[in-house]
Amino acid sequence: MSLIEKNVRDEGDMKMSKQQARLGTFGHIVSRFTKDRSATAAVEFVLVAPLIILVYLGAVELSEVIETDKNVSRTAGIIADIVAQQSDVSRARMDDIFEIGQATILPYDRDKAGIKVTAIQVASTPLTNPPATVAWSYANGKLSPDTKKSTIDIPASFRTNGTFLIRVEITLTYEPITTWGMRNIVSVNDGFPLSEIYYFAPRLSQTITCSNC
């Protein structure tokens, strides 16, 4: 072998050794990347995080809706109980009672409840299916009062001859907390309607009057 051939072979061996070294280094880097789970975990978290957030917000909203619905029912019962303990009321007195009702719904304050109190007189005759009429009715503005002396439908179980009843109706639109702050920015739905109706009989007298209702 000539000196030139030997130099060429040595140079080729050196180039091959460098290529093998580079390949070895690259393979080592790839191996480290595939074994390092931190980057993979970060990507997985980015993909899963929105779902986790949605599930969490959904659970929060569901618990808020359930609690607010309980407060609506509780408020209807409280108002009916207070009115049933009166012998006579006035518009000013009813406004005070409505304020108590609004406070009972707290801490929900993204919408005000519609409240209506209606005094109902069931006729003494006929004995079967006697008609029920409105003695007086008062509402807080979000609901309209029933027309005085108009016929009103009530459950058959309350349709007893000569009975006087106080009916309290409450409606409230639950606005999700996740969209309430954006209602002026984006279009959102009308929320979740909540409602309750309570019937009470007078406790201190046969009837309850309202002088200016």
Protein backbone atom coordinates (compact mmCIF):
# COMPACT_ATOMS: atom_id res chain seq x y z
CA MET A 1 0.00 0.00 0.00
CA SER A 2 1.40 3.36 -1.03
CA LEU A 3 1.69 6.25 1.35
CA ILE A 4 -1.05 8.13 -0.55
CA GLU A 5 -3.51 5.20 -0.27
CA LYS A 6 -2.74 4.92 3.44
CA ASN A 7 -3.43 8.63 3.99
CA VAL A 8 -6.72 8.43 2.04
CA ARG A 9 -7.84 5.39 4.06
CA ASP A 10 -6.88 7.06 7.33
CA GLU A 11 -8.77 10.21 6.34
CA GLY A 12 -11.85 8.12 5.42
CA ASP A 13 -11.68 6.30 8.74
CA MET A 14 -11.51 9.65 10.56
CA LYS A 15 -14.59 10.96 8.67
CA MET A 16 -16.50 7.77 9.46
CA SER A 17 -15.53 8.03 13.11
CA LYS A 18 -16.77 11.64 13.22
CA GLN A 19 -20.08 10.65 11.54
CA GLN A 20 -20.50 7.80 14.01
CA ALA A 21 -19.77 10.19 16.84
CA ARG A 22 -22.36 12.64 15.54
CA LEU A 23 -24.93 9.86 15.12
CA GLY A 24 -24.14 8.62 18.58
CA THR A 25 -24.63 12.09 20.05
CA PHE A 26 -27.93 12.58 18.15
CA GLY A 27 -29.16 9.17 19.25
CA HIS A 28 -28.29 10.03 22.83
CA ILE A 29 -30.27 13.28 22.57
CA VAL A 30 -33.29 11.48 21.07
CA SER A 31 -33.07 8.85 23.76
CA ARG A 32 -33.01 11.49 26.48
CA PHE A 33 -36.00 13.29 24.92
CA THR A 34 -38.09 10.12 24.69
CA LYS A 35 -37.25 9.15 28.24
CA ASP A 36 -37.97 12.64 29.62
CA ARG A 37 -41.70 12.64 30.52
CA SER A 38 -41.83 16.29 31.61
CA ALA A 39 -42.47 17.62 28.11
CA THR A 40 -45.07 14.93 27.41
CA ALA A 41 -46.83 15.66 30.69
CA ALA A 42 -46.92 19.36 29.86
CA VAL A 43 -48.55 18.67 26.49
CA GLU A 44 -51.06 16.31 28.10
CA PHE A 45 -51.93 18.93 30.73
CA VAL A 46 -52.50 21.58 28.06
CA LEU A 47 -54.91 19.23 26.29
CA VAL A 48 -56.75 18.10 29.44
CA ALA A 49 -56.80 21.41 31.36
CA PRO A 50 -59.77 22.95 29.45
CA LEU A 51 -61.88 19.86 30.15
CA ILE A 52 -60.96 19.95 33.85
CA ILE A 53 -61.87 23.65 34.03
CA LEU A 54 -65.21 23.06 32.28
CA VAL A 55 -66.10 20.20 34.64
CA TYR A 56 -65.17 22.33 37.66
CA LEU A 57 -67.19 25.34 36.48
CA GLY A 58 -70.14 23.07 35.68
CA ALA A 59 -70.05 21.62 39.19
CA VAL A 60 -69.92 25.12 40.70
CA GLU A 61 -72.86 26.30 38.59
CA LEU A 62 -74.92 23.21 39.43
CA SER A 63 -74.40 23.68 43.17
CA GLU A 64 -75.29 27.39 42.85
CA VAL A 65 -78.49 26.62 40.93
CA ILE A 66 -79.57 24.04 43.51
CA GLU A 67 -78.85 26.38 46.43
CA THR A 68 -80.61 29.32 44.77
CA ASP A 69 -83.65 27.16 43.98
CA LYS A 70 -83.82 26.18 47.66
CA ASN A 71 -83.67 29.85 48.63
CA VAL A 72 -86.52 30.66 46.22
CA SER A 73 -88.71 27.98 47.83
CA ARG A 74 -87.71 29.13 51.32
CA THR A 75 -88.53 32.74 50.42
CA ALA A 76 -92.01 31.84 49.18
CA GLY A 77 -92.71 30.00 52.42
CA ILE A 78 -91.44 32.87 54.58
CA ILE A 79 -93.51 35.51 52.77
CA ALA A 80 -96.64 33.36 52.87
CA ASP A 81 -96.15 32.72 56.59
CA ILE A 82 -95.66 36.43 57.39
CA VAL A 83 -98.71 37.53 55.41
CA ALA A 84 -100.83 34.75 56.92
CA GLN A 85 -100.12 36.15 60.39
CA GLN A 86 -101.62 39.57 59.51
CA SER A 87 -105.23 40.67 59.89
CA ASP A 88 -104.81 43.45 57.35
CA VAL A 89 -101.95 44.77 55.23
CA SER A 90 -101.13 47.75 53.04
CA ARG A 91 -98.95 48.34 50.00
CA ALA A 92 -96.21 49.77 52.24
CA ARG A 93 -96.38 46.74 54.52
CA MET A 94 -96.21 44.41 51.53
CA ASP A 95 -93.14 46.26 50.22
CA ASP A 96 -91.42 45.66 53.57
CA ILE A 97 -92.30 41.97 53.40
CA PHE A 98 -90.98 41.79 49.83
CA GLU A 99 -87.67 43.28 51.01
CA ILE A 100 -87.40 40.49 53.57
CA GLY A 101 -88.00 38.03 50.76
CA GLN A 102 -85.29 39.53 48.55
CA ALA A 103 -82.83 39.33 51.45
CA THR A 104 -83.62 35.65 51.93
CA ILE A 105 -82.46 34.88 48.38
CA LEU A 106 -79.00 36.32 49.06
CA PRO A 107 -76.11 35.76 48.38
CA TYR A 108 -77.53 35.43 44.84
CA ASP A 109 -77.89 39.01 43.61
CA ARG A 110 -77.50 38.85 39.82
CA ASP A 111 -81.25 39.25 39.37
CA LYS A 112 -84.18 40.36 41.51
CA ALA A 113 -87.02 37.96 42.17
CA GLY A 114 -90.53 38.60 40.94
CA ILE A 115 -92.93 38.34 43.91
CA LYS A 116 -96.73 38.31 43.87
CA VAL A 117 -99.13 37.82 46.76
CA THR A 118 -102.77 37.07 45.97
CA ALA A 119 -105.63 36.76 48.44
CA ILE A 120 -108.19 34.22 47.23
CA GLN A 121 -111.75 33.71 48.38
CA VAL A 122 -113.44 30.39 47.60
CA ALA A 123 -117.22 30.71 47.27
CA SER A 124 -119.58 29.06 49.74
CA THR A 125 -121.75 27.68 46.94
CA PRO A 126 -122.09 25.45 45.05
CA LEU A 127 -120.90 22.60 47.22
CA THR A 128 -119.15 20.94 44.30
CA ASN A 129 -116.26 22.74 42.63
CA PRO A 130 -116.96 26.23 44.05
CA PRO A 131 -115.36 29.12 42.12
CA ALA A 132 -112.35 30.95 43.52
CA THR A 133 -111.98 34.71 43.01
CA VAL A 134 -109.26 37.26 43.69
CA ALA A 135 -109.94 39.33 46.83
CA TRP A 136 -106.82 41.43 46.26
CA SER A 137 -103.39 41.04 44.70
CA TYR A 138 -100.08 42.85 44.96
CA ALA A 139 -96.78 42.38 43.10
CA ASN A 140 -93.35 43.97 43.15
CA GLY A 141 -93.25 45.06 39.50
CA LYS A 142 -91.51 42.07 37.95
CA LEU A 143 -94.84 40.25 38.07
CA SER A 144 -98.29 41.67 37.36
CA PRO A 145 -100.97 41.49 40.07
CA ASP A 146 -104.10 39.48 39.38
CA THR A 147 -107.27 41.42 38.60
CA LYS A 148 -109.49 41.98 41.61
CA LYS A 149 -112.72 39.90 41.65
CA SER A 150 -111.51 37.84 38.69
CA THR A 151 -111.81 34.06 38.72
CA ILE A 152 -108.57 32.29 39.52
CA ASP A 153 -107.56 28.65 39.19
CA ILE A 154 -106.36 26.83 42.31
CA PRO A 155 -105.59 23.16 43.06
CA ALA A 156 -108.65 21.01 43.78
CA SER A 157 -107.30 20.16 47.24
CA PHE A 158 -107.65 23.84 48.27
CA ARG A 159 -111.09 24.36 46.72
CA THR A 160 -113.10 24.09 49.94
CA ASN A 161 -116.29 26.09 50.39
CA GLY A 162 -115.77 29.42 52.15
CA THR A 163 -111.98 29.04 52.34
CA PHE A 164 -109.76 32.13 52.28
CA LEU A 165 -106.22 31.58 50.99
CA ILE A 166 -103.00 33.50 50.56
CA ARG A 167 -101.02 32.49 47.50
CA VAL A 168 -97.40 33.57 47.07
CA GLU A 169 -95.70 33.27 43.69
CA ILE A 170 -91.98 33.82 43.19
CA THR A 171 -90.02 33.71 39.94
CA LEU A 172 -86.30 34.20 39.48
CA THR A 173 -84.02 33.86 36.47
CA TYR A 174 -80.71 32.31 37.49
CA GLU A 175 -77.87 33.81 35.46
CA PRO A 176 -74.73 31.61 35.38
CA ILE A 177 -71.84 33.28 37.14
CA THR A 178 -69.52 32.34 34.24
CA THR A 179 -71.54 34.46 31.78
CA TRP A 180 -72.97 37.17 34.03
CA GLY A 181 -69.86 39.35 33.76
CA MET A 182 -69.87 39.04 29.95
CA ARG A 183 -73.55 39.73 29.25
CA ASN A 184 -72.70 43.18 27.84
CA ILE A 185 -69.92 41.71 25.67
CA VAL A 186 -71.34 38.50 24.28
CA SER A 187 -74.84 37.19 23.74
CA VAL A 188 -75.81 34.66 26.41
CA ASN A 189 -78.98 32.68 27.01
CA ASP A 190 -81.82 33.85 29.21
CA GLY A 191 -80.61 31.85 32.20
CA PHE A 192 -82.46 29.20 34.17
CA PRO A 193 -86.02 30.06 35.29
CA LEU A 194 -86.77 29.17 38.91
CA SER A 195 -90.21 29.47 40.49
CA GLU A 196 -92.27 28.48 43.51
CA ILE A 197 -95.91 28.79 44.64
CA TYR A 198 -97.10 28.53 48.25
CA TYR A 199 -100.63 28.49 49.67
CA PHE A 200 -101.30 29.49 53.30
CA ALA A 201 -104.50 30.00 55.28
CA PRO A 202 -104.90 33.03 57.60
CA ARG A 203 -103.78 32.37 61.16
CA LEU A 204 -105.28 35.23 63.16
CA SER A 205 -108.52 35.95 61.31
CA GLN A 206 -110.94 34.50 58.79
CA THR A 207 -109.74 36.84 56.05
CA ILE A 208 -106.88 39.26 55.40
CA THR A 209 -107.63 42.63 53.87
CA CYS A 210 -105.45 45.09 51.97
CA SER A 211 -106.84 48.61 52.01
CA ASN A 212 -104.99 49.97 48.99
CA CYS A 213 -103.96 46.88 47.01
